[in-house]
Amino acid sequence: MSTNTSFKVKGDDLVKKIKEIIHEGNVNRIIIKNDEGRTYLEIPVTIGVVGTIIMPVLAAVGALAALAANFTIEVVRKE
């Protein structure tokens, strides 16, 4: 079973919040959407892959932050 949590963040805080979420652990997927609900990026998060893909993903998230002022981050967690 999984639960979803949503966060509203400004573009400047997007990378910081994504880092916090990943470091919290127990996350299956992170979905980044704009104010209109359009999905910009969906990040599958698995324990074995986090170390190898975190830098390119954060670079992509940083580029997204320049596209819009506000984002919604949906976090899918395993219970």
Protein backbone atom coordinates (compact mmCIF):
# COMPACT_ATOMS: atom_id res chain seq x y z
CA MET A 1 0.00 0.00 0.00
CA SER A 2 1.25 3.52 -0.74
CA THR A 3 0.41 7.04 0.35
CA ASN A 4 0.70 10.30 -1.54
CA THR A 5 1.77 13.62 -0.07
CA SER A 6 1.83 16.95 -1.92
CA PHE A 7 3.97 20.03 -1.34
CA LYS A 8 3.65 23.43 -2.99
CA VAL A 9 7.03 25.11 -3.53
CA LYS A 10 8.44 28.09 -5.36
CA GLY A 11 10.89 27.50 -8.19
CA ASP A 12 13.81 28.72 -6.06
CA ASP A 13 13.12 26.06 -3.41
CA LEU A 14 12.46 23.15 -5.77
CA VAL A 15 15.92 21.52 -5.72
CA LYS A 16 16.24 21.95 -1.95
CA LYS A 17 12.88 20.28 -1.30
CA ILE A 18 13.64 17.38 -3.68
CA LYS A 19 16.91 16.74 -1.83
CA GLU A 20 15.08 16.75 1.51
CA ILE A 21 12.47 14.30 0.25
CA ILE A 22 15.07 11.89 -1.14
CA HIS A 23 17.10 11.97 2.08
CA GLU A 24 13.98 11.22 4.16
CA GLY A 25 13.81 7.83 2.48
CA ASN A 26 10.80 5.54 2.11
CA VAL A 27 9.96 7.24 -1.22
CA ASN A 28 8.96 5.30 -4.34
CA ARG A 29 8.33 8.15 -6.75
CA ILE A 30 8.48 11.94 -6.94
CA ILE A 31 6.26 13.77 -9.42
CA ILE A 32 6.83 17.45 -10.21
CA LYS A 33 3.89 19.39 -11.65
CA ASN A 34 3.26 23.01 -12.58
CA ASP A 35 0.41 25.17 -11.25
CA GLU A 36 -1.92 23.85 -13.94
CA GLY A 37 -1.34 20.22 -12.93
CA ARG A 38 0.83 19.34 -15.93
CA THR A 39 3.53 16.79 -15.06
CA TYR A 40 7.03 18.06 -15.83
CA LEU A 41 9.11 15.27 -14.35
CA GLU A 42 8.46 11.91 -12.71
CA ILE A 43 11.37 10.47 -10.75
CA PRO A 44 11.36 6.81 -9.70
CA VAL A 45 13.34 6.53 -6.47
CA THR A 46 14.86 3.21 -5.48
CA ILE A 47 17.50 2.67 -2.82
CA GLY A 48 20.05 1.09 -5.16
CA VAL A 49 19.71 3.76 -7.84
CA VAL A 50 19.59 6.95 -5.75
CA GLY A 51 23.37 7.32 -5.49
CA THR A 52 24.00 6.94 -9.21
CA ILE A 53 21.23 9.11 -10.61
CA ILE A 54 20.86 11.86 -8.03
CA MET A 55 23.16 14.41 -9.67
CA PRO A 56 21.68 14.28 -13.20
CA VAL A 57 18.17 14.33 -11.72
CA LEU A 58 18.97 17.37 -9.57
CA ALA A 59 20.41 19.11 -12.66
CA ALA A 60 17.13 18.46 -14.50
CA VAL A 61 15.14 19.70 -11.50
CA GLY A 62 17.28 22.85 -11.43
CA ALA A 63 16.50 23.48 -15.09
CA LEU A 64 12.79 23.01 -14.37
CA ALA A 65 12.95 25.62 -11.62
CA ALA A 66 13.72 28.22 -14.29
CA LEU A 67 10.56 27.35 -16.25
CA ALA A 68 7.89 28.30 -13.72
CA ALA A 69 7.48 30.17 -10.46
CA ASN A 70 5.46 27.58 -8.55
CA PHE A 71 5.41 23.80 -8.49
CA THR A 72 3.55 20.98 -6.78
CA ILE A 73 5.63 18.01 -5.70
CA GLU A 74 3.74 14.75 -5.23
CA VAL A 75 5.55 12.15 -3.17
CA VAL A 76 4.49 8.49 -3.38
CA ARG A 77 5.64 6.54 -0.34
CA LYS A 78 5.50 2.87 0.57
CA GLU A 79 3.85 2.11 3.89
